[in-house]
């Protein structure tokens, strides 16, 4: 499994949705849940799949009307890595901004 080379807010949003989901999520649903455009979601999914973090499968539902959907789910290792990555991301987000040391007042 390869590390994520470029961790961006959209990637973090995708990882959050996938971690919180009990079942595979299709691409347009991910776009809706993250508030991101499909044009930004699908390249993220491709990178995550190429890196081994997620697995994508074509939906096999003959009863569903409409085109087949590709669903995505975290692998076991991907879920562990995603949880650790998000914990690090969140820790950095709440860290107070560094301040310059104060000079002594006379």
PDB file of N, CA and C in Angstrom:
ATOM      1  N   UNK A   1       0.842  -1.171   0.000  1.00  0.00           N
ATOM      2  CA  UNK A   1       0.000   0.000   0.000  1.00  0.00           C
ATOM      3  C   UNK A   1       0.886   1.233   0.000  1.00  0.00           C
ATOM      4  N   UNK A   2       0.611   2.116  -0.940  1.00  0.00           N
ATOM      5  CA  UNK A   2       1.396   3.333  -1.084  1.00  0.00           C
ATOM      6  C   UNK A   2       0.833   4.446  -0.206  1.00  0.00           C
ATOM      7  N   UNK A   3       1.686   5.329   0.307  1.00  0.00           N
ATOM      8  CA  UNK A   3       1.180   6.478   1.059  1.00  0.00           C
ATOM      9  C   UNK A   3       0.507   7.478   0.126  1.00  0.00           C
ATOM     10  N   UNK A   4      -0.349   8.302   0.678  1.00  0.00           N
ATOM     11  CA  UNK A   4      -0.976   9.358  -0.110  1.00  0.00           C
ATOM     12  C   UNK A   4       0.071  10.428  -0.343  1.00  0.00           C
ATOM     13  N   UNK A   5       0.321  10.731  -1.600  1.00  0.00           N
ATOM     14  CA  UNK A   5       1.337  11.718  -1.943  1.00  0.00           C
ATOM     15  C   UNK A   5       0.846  13.148  -1.744  1.00  0.00           C
ATOM     16  N   UNK A   6      -0.429  13.357  -1.955  1.00  0.00           N
ATOM     17  CA  UNK A   6      -0.993  14.704  -1.887  1.00  0.00           C
ATOM     18  C   UNK A   6      -2.264  14.663  -1.054  1.00  0.00           C
ATOM     19  N   UNK A   7      -2.153  15.063   0.207  1.00  0.00           N
ATOM     20  CA  UNK A   7      -3.318  15.068   1.080  1.00  0.00           C
ATOM     21  C   UNK A   7      -3.947  16.462   1.057  1.00  0.00           C
ATOM     22  N   UNK A   8      -5.133  16.534   0.492  1.00  0.00           N
ATOM     23  CA  UNK A   8      -5.844  17.801   0.346  1.00  0.00           C
ATOM     24  C   UNK A   8      -7.167  17.720   1.098  1.00  0.00           C
ATOM     25  N   UNK A   9      -7.816  18.853   1.263  1.00  0.00           N
ATOM     26  CA  UNK A   9      -9.124  18.852   1.923  1.00  0.00           C
ATOM     27  C   UNK A   9     -10.137  17.961   1.202  1.00  0.00           C
ATOM     28  N   UNK A  10     -10.200  17.981  -0.133  1.00  0.00           N
ATOM     29  CA  UNK A  10     -11.131  17.065  -0.805  1.00  0.00           C
ATOM     30  C   UNK A  10     -10.805  15.592  -0.528  1.00  0.00           C
ATOM     31  N   UNK A  11      -9.530  15.240  -0.466  1.00  0.00           N
ATOM     32  CA  UNK A  11      -9.153  13.854  -0.164  1.00  0.00           C
ATOM     33  C   UNK A  11      -9.570  13.501   1.251  1.00  0.00           C
ATOM     34  N   UNK A  12      -9.366  14.409   2.177  1.00  0.00           N
ATOM     35  CA  UNK A  12      -9.786  14.187   3.566  1.00  0.00           C
ATOM     36  C   UNK A  12     -11.299  13.990   3.626  1.00  0.00           C
ATOM     37  N   UNK A  13     -12.046  14.796   2.882  1.00  0.00           N
ATOM     38  CA  UNK A  13     -13.507  14.663   2.865  1.00  0.00           C
ATOM     39  C   UNK A  13     -13.931  13.294   2.340  1.00  0.00           C
ATOM     40  N   UNK A  14     -13.290  12.819   1.281  1.00  0.00           N
ATOM     41  CA  UNK A  14     -13.608  11.502   0.715  1.00  0.00           C
ATOM     42  C   UNK A  14     -13.288  10.404   1.747  1.00  0.00           C
ATOM     43  N   UNK A  15     -12.119  10.493   2.367  1.00  0.00           N
ATOM     44  CA  UNK A  15     -11.742   9.487   3.365  1.00  0.00           C
ATOM     45  C   UNK A  15     -12.738   9.462   4.527  1.00  0.00           C
ATOM     46  N   UNK A  16     -13.196  10.633   4.975  1.00  0.00           N
ATOM     47  CA  UNK A  16     -14.173  10.695   6.071  1.00  0.00           C
ATOM     48  C   UNK A  16     -15.467   9.968   5.707  1.00  0.00           C
ATOM     49  N   UNK A  17     -15.970  10.260   4.509  1.00  0.00           N
ATOM     50  CA  UNK A  17     -17.223   9.619   4.082  1.00  0.00           C
ATOM     51  C   UNK A  17     -17.039   8.108   4.009  1.00  0.00           C
ATOM     52  N   UNK A  18     -15.943   7.664   3.422  1.00  0.00           N
ATOM     53  CA  UNK A  18     -15.714   6.226   3.287  1.00  0.00           C
ATOM     54  C   UNK A  18     -15.557   5.557   4.654  1.00  0.00           C
ATOM     55  N   UNK A  19     -14.893   6.220   5.590  1.00  0.00           N
ATOM     56  CA  UNK A  19     -14.729   5.656   6.933  1.00  0.00           C
ATOM     57  C   UNK A  19     -16.059   5.563   7.672  1.00  0.00           C
ATOM     58  N   UNK A  20     -16.919   6.542   7.466  1.00  0.00           N
ATOM     59  CA  UNK A  20     -18.198   6.590   8.176  1.00  0.00           C
ATOM     60  C   UNK A  20     -19.267   5.692   7.553  1.00  0.00           C
ATOM     61  N   UNK A  21     -19.026   5.234   6.339  1.00  0.00           N
ATOM     62  CA  UNK A  21     -20.024   4.431   5.634  1.00  0.00           C
ATOM     63  C   UNK A  21     -19.925   2.951   5.997  1.00  0.00           C
ATOM     64  N   UNK A  22     -21.088   2.347   6.197  1.00  0.00           N
ATOM     65  CA  UNK A  22     -21.152   0.916   6.488  1.00  0.00           C
ATOM     66  C   UNK A  22     -21.167   0.064   5.227  1.00  0.00           C
ATOM     67  N   UNK A  23     -21.329   0.702   4.096  1.00  0.00           N
ATOM     68  CA  UNK A  23     -21.366  -0.026   2.823  1.00  0.00           C
ATOM     69  C   UNK A  23     -20.630   0.770   1.764  1.00  0.00           C
ATOM     70  N   UNK A  24     -20.309   0.141   0.651  1.00  0.00           N
ATOM     71  CA  UNK A  24     -19.623   0.865  -0.430  1.00  0.00           C
ATOM     72  C   UNK A  24     -20.448   2.062  -0.904  1.00  0.00           C
ATOM     73  N   UNK A  25     -19.758   3.090  -1.354  1.00  0.00           N
ATOM     74  CA  UNK A  25     -20.399   4.335  -1.790  1.00  0.00           C
ATOM     75  C   UNK A  25     -20.031   4.572  -3.249  1.00  0.00           C
ATOM     76  N   UNK A  26     -21.005   4.986  -4.058  1.00  0.00           N
ATOM     77  CA  UNK A  26     -20.715   5.253  -5.458  1.00  0.00           C
ATOM     78  C   UNK A  26     -20.224   6.699  -5.611  1.00  0.00           C
ATOM     79  N   UNK A  27     -19.555   6.947  -6.708  1.00  0.00           N
ATOM     80  CA  UNK A  27     -18.865   8.209  -6.928  1.00  0.00           C
ATOM     81  C   UNK A  27     -19.731   9.449  -6.821  1.00  0.00           C
ATOM     82  N   UNK A  28     -20.890   9.465  -7.480  1.00  0.00           N
ATOM     83  CA  UNK A  28     -21.741  10.651  -7.421  1.00  0.00           C
ATOM     84  C   UNK A  28     -22.297  10.872  -6.017  1.00  0.00           C
ATOM     85  N   UNK A  29     -22.513   9.803  -5.290  1.00  0.00           N
ATOM     86  CA  UNK A  29     -22.949   9.932  -3.883  1.00  0.00           C
ATOM     87  C   UNK A  29     -21.833  10.572  -3.053  1.00  0.00           C
ATOM     88  N   UNK A  30     -20.598  10.160  -3.301  1.00  0.00           N
ATOM     89  CA  UNK A  30     -19.459  10.778  -2.619  1.00  0.00           C
ATOM     90  C   UNK A  30     -19.382  12.268  -2.923  1.00  0.00           C
ATOM     91  N   UNK A  31     -19.617  12.623  -4.170  1.00  0.00           N
ATOM     92  CA  UNK A  31     -19.597  14.035  -4.557  1.00  0.00           C
ATOM     93  C   UNK A  31     -20.658  14.807  -3.779  1.00  0.00           C
ATOM     94  N   UNK A  32     -21.841  14.243  -3.685  1.00  0.00           N
ATOM     95  CA  UNK A  32     -22.925  14.908  -2.971  1.00  0.00           C
ATOM     96  C   UNK A  32     -22.608  15.019  -1.475  1.00  0.00           C
ATOM     97  N   UNK A  33     -22.136  13.942  -0.870  1.00  0.00           N
ATOM     98  CA  UNK A  33     -21.866  13.942   0.566  1.00  0.00           C
ATOM     99  C   UNK A  33     -20.697  14.835   0.962  1.00  0.00           C
ATOM    100  N   UNK A  34     -19.749  15.018   0.067  1.00  0.00           N
ATOM    101  CA  UNK A  34     -18.595  15.858   0.374  1.00  0.00           C
ATOM    102  C   UNK A  34     -18.794  17.302  -0.067  1.00  0.00           C
ATOM    103  N   UNK A  35     -19.786  17.534  -0.929  1.00  0.00           N
ATOM    104  CA  UNK A  35     -19.998  18.873  -1.462  1.00  0.00           C
ATOM    105  C   UNK A  35     -18.965  19.244  -2.522  1.00  0.00           C
ATOM    106  N   UNK A  36     -18.293  18.244  -3.062  1.00  0.00           N
ATOM    107  CA  UNK A  36     -17.262  18.475  -4.088  1.00  0.00           C
ATOM    108  C   UNK A  36     -17.788  18.066  -5.454  1.00  0.00           C
ATOM    109  N   UNK A  37     -17.214  18.654  -6.476  1.00  0.00           N
ATOM    110  CA  UNK A  37     -17.605  18.333  -7.849  1.00  0.00           C
ATOM    111  C   UNK A  37     -17.104  16.939  -8.229  1.00  0.00           C
ATOM    112  N   UNK A  38     -17.887  16.206  -9.026  1.00  0.00           N
ATOM    113  CA  UNK A  38     -17.430  14.890  -9.481  1.00  0.00           C
ATOM    114  C   UNK A  38     -16.065  14.945 -10.155  1.00  0.00           C
ATOM    115  N   UNK A  39     -15.778  16.044 -10.827  1.00  0.00           N
ATOM    116  CA  UNK A  39     -14.487  16.192 -11.498  1.00  0.00           C
ATOM    117  C   UNK A  39     -13.312  16.214 -10.542  1.00  0.00           C
ATOM    118  N   UNK A  40     -13.549  16.513  -9.272  1.00  0.00           N
ATOM    119  CA  UNK A  40     -12.470  16.436  -8.288  1.00  0.00           C
ATOM    120  C   UNK A  40     -12.507  15.119  -7.516  1.00  0.00           C
ATOM    121  N   UNK A  41     -13.678  14.514  -7.427  1.00  0.00           N
ATOM    122  CA  UNK A  41     -13.829  13.264  -6.668  1.00  0.00           C
ATOM    123  C   UNK A  41     -13.211  12.079  -7.414  1.00  0.00           C
ATOM    124  N   UNK A  42     -13.494  11.945  -8.698  1.00  0.00           N
ATOM    125  CA  UNK A  42     -13.033  10.764  -9.428  1.00  0.00           C
ATOM    126  C   UNK A  42     -11.510  10.646  -9.523  1.00  0.00           C
ATOM    127  N   UNK A  43     -10.762  11.724  -9.708  1.00  0.00           N
ATOM    128  CA  UNK A  43      -9.299  11.578  -9.667  1.00  0.00           C
ATOM    129  C   UNK A  43      -8.795  11.135  -8.287  1.00  0.00           C
ATOM    130  N   UNK A  44      -9.437  11.605  -7.233  1.00  0.00           N
ATOM    131  CA  UNK A  44      -9.069  11.179  -5.871  1.00  0.00           C
ATOM    132  C   UNK A  44      -9.318   9.682  -5.721  1.00  0.00           C
ATOM    133  N   UNK A  45     -10.478   9.238  -6.168  1.00  0.00           N
ATOM    134  CA  UNK A  45     -10.808   7.813  -6.080  1.00  0.00           C
ATOM    135  C   UNK A  45      -9.808   6.976  -6.877  1.00  0.00           C
ATOM    136  N   UNK A  46      -9.430   7.456  -8.052  1.00  0.00           N
ATOM    137  CA  UNK A  46      -8.460   6.713  -8.868  1.00  0.00           C
ATOM    138  C   UNK A  46      -7.121   6.607  -8.149  1.00  0.00           C
ATOM    139  N   UNK A  47      -6.663   7.724  -7.538  1.00  0.00           N
ATOM    140  CA  UNK A  47      -5.387   7.691  -6.806  1.00  0.00           C
ATOM    141  C   UNK A  47      -5.461   6.751  -5.604  1.00  0.00           C
ATOM    142  N   UNK A  48      -6.566   6.811  -4.864  1.00  0.00           N
ATOM    143  CA  UNK A  48      -6.720   5.940  -3.694  1.00  0.00           C
ATOM    144  C   UNK A  48      -6.783   4.467  -4.104  1.00  0.00           C
ATOM    145  N   UNK A  49      -7.441   4.200  -5.217  1.00  0.00           N
ATOM    146  CA  UNK A  49      -7.536   2.821  -5.698  1.00  0.00           C
ATOM    147  C   UNK A  49      -6.183   2.324  -6.198  1.00  0.00           C
ATOM    148  N   UNK A  50      -5.468   3.164  -6.932  1.00  0.00           N
ATOM    149  CA  UNK A  50      -4.140   2.793  -7.425  1.00  0.00           C
ATOM    150  C   UNK A  50      -3.164   2.553  -6.281  1.00  0.00           C
ATOM    151  N   UNK A  51      -3.359   3.272  -5.169  1.00  0.00           N
ATOM    152  CA  UNK A  51      -2.474   3.145  -4.009  1.00  0.00           C
ATOM    153  C   UNK A  51      -2.868   2.003  -3.085  1.00  0.00           C
ATOM    154  N   UNK A  52      -4.013   1.358  -3.346  1.00  0.00           N
ATOM    155  CA  UNK A  52      -4.443   0.226  -2.535  1.00  0.00           C
ATOM    156  C   UNK A  52      -5.238   0.589  -1.297  1.00  0.00           C
ATOM    157  N   UNK A  53      -5.653   1.839  -1.181  1.00  0.00           N
ATOM    158  CA  UNK A  53      -6.433   2.264  -0.013  1.00  0.00           C
ATOM    159  C   UNK A  53      -7.901   1.856  -0.145  1.00  0.00           C
ATOM    160  N   UNK A  54      -8.400   1.854  -1.382  1.00  0.00           N
ATOM    161  CA  UNK A  54      -9.803   1.496  -1.616  1.00  0.00           C
ATOM    162  C   UNK A  54      -9.883   0.458  -2.723  1.00  0.00           C
ATOM    163  N   UNK A  55     -11.039  -0.166  -2.784  1.00  0.00           N
ATOM    164  CA  UNK A  55     -11.323  -1.078  -3.888  1.00  0.00           C
ATOM    165  C   UNK A  55     -12.625  -0.595  -4.528  1.00  0.00           C
ATOM    166  N   UNK A  56     -12.625  -0.557  -5.850  1.00  0.00           N
ATOM    167  CA  UNK A  56     -13.814  -0.160  -6.590  1.00  0.00           C
ATOM    168  C   UNK A  56     -14.378  -1.356  -7.335  1.00  0.00           C
ATOM    169  N   UNK A  57     -15.694  -1.454  -7.325  1.00  0.00           N
ATOM    170  CA  UNK A  57     -16.374  -2.554  -8.022  1.00  0.00           C
ATOM    171  C   UNK A  57     -17.602  -2.012  -8.737  1.00  0.00           C
ATOM    172  N   UNK A  58     -17.894  -2.613  -9.859  1.00  0.00           N
ATOM    173  CA  UNK A  58     -19.105  -2.232 -10.562  1.00  0.00           C
ATOM    174  C   UNK A  58     -20.300  -2.874  -9.881  1.00  0.00           C
ATOM    175  N   UNK A  59     -21.324  -2.073  -9.675  1.00  0.00           N
ATOM    176  CA  UNK A  59     -22.556  -2.531  -9.041  1.00  0.00           C
ATOM    177  C   UNK A  59     -23.204  -3.620  -9.904  1.00  0.00           C
ATOM    178  N   UNK A  60     -23.740  -4.619  -9.241  1.00  0.00           N
ATOM    179  CA  UNK A  60     -24.366  -5.731  -9.952  1.00  0.00           C
ATOM    180  C   UNK A  60     -25.816  -5.860  -9.488  1.00  0.00           C
ATOM    181  N   UNK A  61     -26.632  -4.869  -9.862  1.00  0.00           N
ATOM    182  CA  UNK A  61     -28.030  -4.832  -9.447  1.00  0.00           C
ATOM    183  C   UNK A  61     -28.900  -4.756 -10.691  1.00  0.00           C
ATOM    184  N   UNK A  62     -29.460  -5.901 -11.077  1.00  0.00           N
ATOM    185  CA  UNK A  62     -30.287  -5.953 -12.277  1.00  0.00           C
ATOM    186  C   UNK A  62     -31.629  -5.253 -12.089  1.00  0.00           C
ATOM    187  N   UNK A  63     -32.066  -5.068 -10.848  1.00  0.00           N
ATOM    188  CA  UNK A  63     -33.352  -4.437 -10.552  1.00  0.00           C
ATOM    189  C   UNK A  63     -33.284  -2.914 -10.652  1.00  0.00           C
ATOM    190  N   UNK A  64     -32.106  -2.342 -10.508  1.00  0.00           N
ATOM    191  CA  UNK A  64     -31.940  -0.894 -10.499  1.00  0.00           C
ATOM    192  C   UNK A  64     -32.074  -0.334 -11.906  1.00  0.00           C
ATOM    193  N   UNK A  65     -32.842   0.750 -12.006  1.00  0.00           N
ATOM    194  CA  UNK A  65     -33.001   1.441 -13.286  1.00  0.00           C
ATOM    195  C   UNK A  65     -31.867   2.450 -13.420  1.00  0.00           C
ATOM    196  N   UNK A  66     -31.312   2.557 -14.594  1.00  0.00           N
ATOM    197  CA  UNK A  66     -30.246   3.527 -14.828  1.00  0.00           C
ATOM    198  C   UNK A  66     -28.927   2.825 -15.087  1.00  0.00           C
ATOM    199  N   UNK A  67     -27.911   3.629 -15.348  1.00  0.00           N
ATOM    200  CA  UNK A  67     -26.599   3.046 -15.647  1.00  0.00           C
ATOM    201  C   UNK A  67     -25.981   2.395 -14.410  1.00  0.00           C
ATOM    202  N   UNK A  68     -25.113   1.460 -14.678  1.00  0.00           N
ATOM    203  CA  UNK A  68     -24.379   0.803 -13.591  1.00  0.00           C
ATOM    204  C   UNK A  68     -23.531   1.817 -12.852  1.00  0.00           C
ATOM    205  N   UNK A  69     -23.428   1.636 -11.534  1.00  0.00           N
ATOM    206  CA  UNK A  69     -22.600   2.538 -10.741  1.00  0.00           C
ATOM    207  C   UNK A  69     -21.363   1.788 -10.265  1.00  0.00           C
ATOM    208  N   UNK A  70     -20.267   2.517 -10.119  1.00  0.00           N
ATOM    209  CA  UNK A  70     -19.042   1.966  -9.540  1.00  0.00           C
ATOM    210  C   UNK A  70     -19.029   2.376  -8.079  1.00  0.00           C
ATOM    211  N   UNK A  71     -18.915   1.383  -7.199  1.00  0.00           N
ATOM    212  CA  UNK A  71     -18.911   1.659  -5.768  1.00  0.00           C
ATOM    213  C   UNK A  71     -17.496   1.507  -5.220  1.00  0.00           C
ATOM    214  N   UNK A  72     -17.235   2.215  -4.149  1.00  0.00           N
ATOM    215  CA  UNK A  72     -15.902   2.252  -3.554  1.00  0.00           C
ATOM    216  C   UNK A  72     -15.992   1.998  -2.058  1.00  0.00           C
ATOM    217  N   UNK A  73     -15.023   1.234  -1.553  1.00  0.00           N
ATOM    218  CA  UNK A  73     -14.941   0.955  -0.123  1.00  0.00           C
ATOM    219  C   UNK A  73     -13.470   0.878   0.267  1.00  0.00           C
ATOM    220  N   UNK A  74     -13.181   1.271   1.492  1.00  0.00           N
ATOM    221  CA  UNK A  74     -11.815   1.161   1.996  1.00  0.00           C
ATOM    222  C   UNK A  74     -11.436  -0.294   2.180  1.00  0.00           C
ATOM    223  N   UNK A  75     -10.195  -0.633   1.895  1.00  0.00           N
ATOM    224  CA  UNK A  75      -9.678  -1.956   2.234  1.00  0.00           C
ATOM    225  C   UNK A  75      -9.435  -1.954   3.747  1.00  0.00           C
ATOM    226  N   UNK A  76      -9.158  -3.101   4.340  1.00  0.00           N
ATOM    227  CA  UNK A  76      -8.879  -3.159   5.780  1.00  0.00           C
ATOM    228  C   UNK A  76      -7.676  -2.288   6.123  1.00  0.00           C
ATOM    229  N   UNK A  77      -6.596  -2.436   5.360  1.00  0.00           N
ATOM    230  CA  UNK A  77      -5.417  -1.599   5.586  1.00  0.00           C
ATOM    231  C   UNK A  77      -5.717  -0.135   5.279  1.00  0.00           C
ATOM    232  N   UNK A  78      -6.510   0.098   4.265  1.00  0.00           N
ATOM    233  CA  UNK A  78      -6.872   1.458   3.904  1.00  0.00           C
ATOM    234  C   UNK A  78      -7.671   2.140   5.009  1.00  0.00           C
ATOM    235  N   UNK A  79      -8.560   1.394   5.657  1.00  0.00           N
ATOM    236  CA  UNK A  79      -9.344   1.950   6.764  1.00  0.00           C
ATOM    237  C   UNK A  79      -8.427   2.326   7.925  1.00  0.00           C
ATOM    238  N   UNK A  80      -7.468   1.450   8.232  1.00  0.00           N
ATOM    239  CA  UNK A  80      -6.514   1.756   9.308  1.00  0.00           C
ATOM    240  C   UNK A  80      -5.699   3.000   8.970  1.00  0.00           C
ATOM    241  N   UNK A  81      -5.202   3.051   7.746  1.00  0.00           N
ATOM    242  CA  UNK A  81      -4.388   4.196   7.311  1.00  0.00           C
ATOM    243  C   UNK A  81      -5.224   5.476   7.257  1.00  0.00           C
ATOM    244  N   UNK A  82      -6.469   5.356   6.790  1.00  0.00           N
ATOM    245  CA  UNK A  82      -7.340   6.530   6.706  1.00  0.00           C
ATOM    246  C   UNK A  82      -7.624   7.085   8.098  1.00  0.00           C
ATOM    247  N   UNK A  83      -7.905   6.209   9.045  1.00  0.00           N
ATOM    248  CA  UNK A  83      -8.168   6.660  10.415  1.00  0.00           C
ATOM    249  C   UNK A  83      -6.950   7.377  10.995  1.00  0.00           C
ATOM    250  N   UNK A  84      -5.773   6.816  10.784  1.00  0.00           N
ATOM    251  CA  UNK A  84      -4.540   7.445  11.280  1.00  0.00           C
ATOM    252  C   UNK A  84      -4.276   8.773  10.576  1.00  0.00           C
ATOM    253  N   UNK A  85      -4.495   8.807   9.276  1.00  0.00           N
ATOM    254  CA  UNK A  85      -4.284  10.028   8.498  1.00  0.00           C
ATOM    255  C   UNK A  85      -5.226  11.132   8.952  1.00  0.00           C
ATOM    256  N   UNK A  86      -6.491  10.788   9.172  1.00  0.00           N
ATOM    257  CA  UNK A  86      -7.457  11.790   9.607  1.00  0.00           C
ATOM    258  C   UNK A  86      -7.168  12.267  11.021  1.00  0.00           C
ATOM    259  N   UNK A  87      -6.703  11.373  11.880  1.00  0.00           N
ATOM    260  CA  UNK A  87      -6.337  11.782  13.239  1.00  0.00           C
ATOM    261  C   UNK A  87      -5.197  12.793  13.208  1.00  0.00           C
ATOM    262  N   UNK A  88      -4.212  12.543  12.366  1.00  0.00           N
ATOM    263  CA  UNK A  88      -3.094  13.484  12.218  1.00  0.00           C
ATOM    264  C   UNK A  88      -3.581  14.805  11.636  1.00  0.00           C
ATOM    265  N   UNK A  89      -4.424  14.736  10.604  1.00  0.00           N
ATOM    266  CA  UNK A  89      -4.975  15.939   9.970  1.00  0.00           C
ATOM    267  C   UNK A  89      -5.748  16.764  11.001  1.00  0.00           C
ATOM    268  N   UNK A  90      -6.601  16.093  11.790  1.00  0.00           N
ATOM    269  CA  UNK A  90      -7.409  16.795  12.784  1.00  0.00           C
ATOM    270  C   UNK A  90      -6.545  17.403  13.884  1.00  0.00           C
ATOM    271  N   UNK A  91      -5.504  16.701  14.281  1.00  0.00           N
ATOM    272  CA  UNK A  91      -4.605  17.224  15.319  1.00  0.00           C
ATOM    273  C   UNK A  91      -3.908  18.491  14.832  1.00  0.00           C
ATOM    274  N   UNK A  92      -3.530  18.514  13.583  1.00  0.00           N
ATOM    275  CA  UNK A  92      -2.885  19.713  13.026  1.00  0.00           C
ATOM    276  C   UNK A  92      -3.873  20.864  12.914  1.00  0.00           C
ATOM    277  N   UNK A  93      -5.139  20.538  12.666  1.00  0.00           N
ATOM    278  CA  UNK A  93      -6.151  21.581  12.479  1.00  0.00           C
ATOM    279  C   UNK A  93      -6.476  22.289  13.792  1.00  0.00           C
ATOM    280  N   UNK A  94      -6.343  21.606  14.925  1.00  0.00           N
ATOM    281  CA  UNK A  94      -6.700  22.225  16.205  1.00  0.00           C
ATOM    282  C   UNK A  94      -5.486  22.775  16.939  1.00  0.00           C
ATOM    283  N   UNK A  95      -4.309  22.542  16.412  1.00  0.00           N
ATOM    284  CA  UNK A  95      -3.100  23.056  17.036  1.00  0.00           C
ATOM    285  C   UNK A  95      -3.124  24.577  16.962  1.00  0.00           C
ATOM    286  N   UNK A  96      -2.881  25.253  18.082  1.00  0.00           N
ATOM    287  CA  UNK A  96      -2.885  26.719  18.040  1.00  0.00           C
ATOM    288  C   UNK A  96      -1.741  27.241  17.174  1.00  0.00           C
ATOM    289  N   UNK A  97      -1.988  28.374  16.578  1.00  0.00           N
ATOM    290  CA  UNK A  97      -0.955  28.990  15.738  1.00  0.00           C
ATOM    291  C   UNK A  97       0.242  29.343  16.607  1.00  0.00           C
ATOM    292  N   UNK A  98       1.414  29.151  16.068  1.00  0.00           N
ATOM    293  CA  UNK A  98       2.611  29.473  16.839  1.00  0.00           C
ATOM    294  C   UNK A  98       2.741  30.978  16.953  1.00  0.00           C
ATOM    295  N   UNK A  99       3.202  31.391  18.096  1.00  0.00           N
ATOM    296  CA  UNK A  99       3.366  32.817  18.346  1.00  0.00           C
ATOM    297  C   UNK A  99       4.838  33.125  18.527  1.00  0.00           C
ATOM    298  N   UNK A 100       5.184  34.315  18.179  1.00  0.00           N
ATOM    299  CA  UNK A 100       6.567  34.722  18.418  1.00  0.00           C
ATOM    300  C   UNK A 100       6.734  34.993  19.909  1.00  0.00           C
ATOM    301  N   UNK A 101       7.899  34.692  20.450  1.00  0.00           N
ATOM    302  CA  UNK A 101       8.100  34.910  21.885  1.00  0.00           C
ATOM    303  C   UNK A 101       7.974  36.391  22.227  1.00  0.00           C
ATOM    304  N   UNK A 102       7.402  36.618  23.372  1.00  0.00           N
ATOM    305  CA  UNK A 102       7.221  37.998  23.828  1.00  0.00           C
ATOM    306  C   UNK A 102       8.543  38.523  24.400  1.00  0.00           C
ATOM    307  N   UNK A 103       8.751  39.751  24.175  1.00  0.00           N
ATOM    308  CA  UNK A 103       9.943  40.364  24.769  1.00  0.00           C
ATOM    309  C   UNK A 103       9.578  40.892  26.153  1.00  0.00           C
ATOM    310  N   UNK A 104      10.514  40.865  27.049  1.00  0.00           N
ATOM    311  CA  UNK A 104      10.279  41.320  28.422  1.00  0.00           C
ATOM    312  C   UNK A 104       9.992  42.811  28.431  1.00  0.00           C
ATOM    313  N   UNK A 105       8.999  43.181  29.172  1.00  0.00           N
ATOM    314  CA  UNK A 105       8.636  44.601  29.323  1.00  0.00           C
ATOM    315  C   UNK A 105       9.348  45.162  30.539  1.00  0.00           C
ATOM    316  N   UNK A 106       9.929  46.361  30.456  1.00  0.00           N
ATOM    317  CA  UNK A 106      10.635  46.972  31.591  1.00  0.00           C
ATOM    318  C   UNK A 106       9.737  47.883  32.358  1.00  0.00           C
TER     319      UNK A 106
END
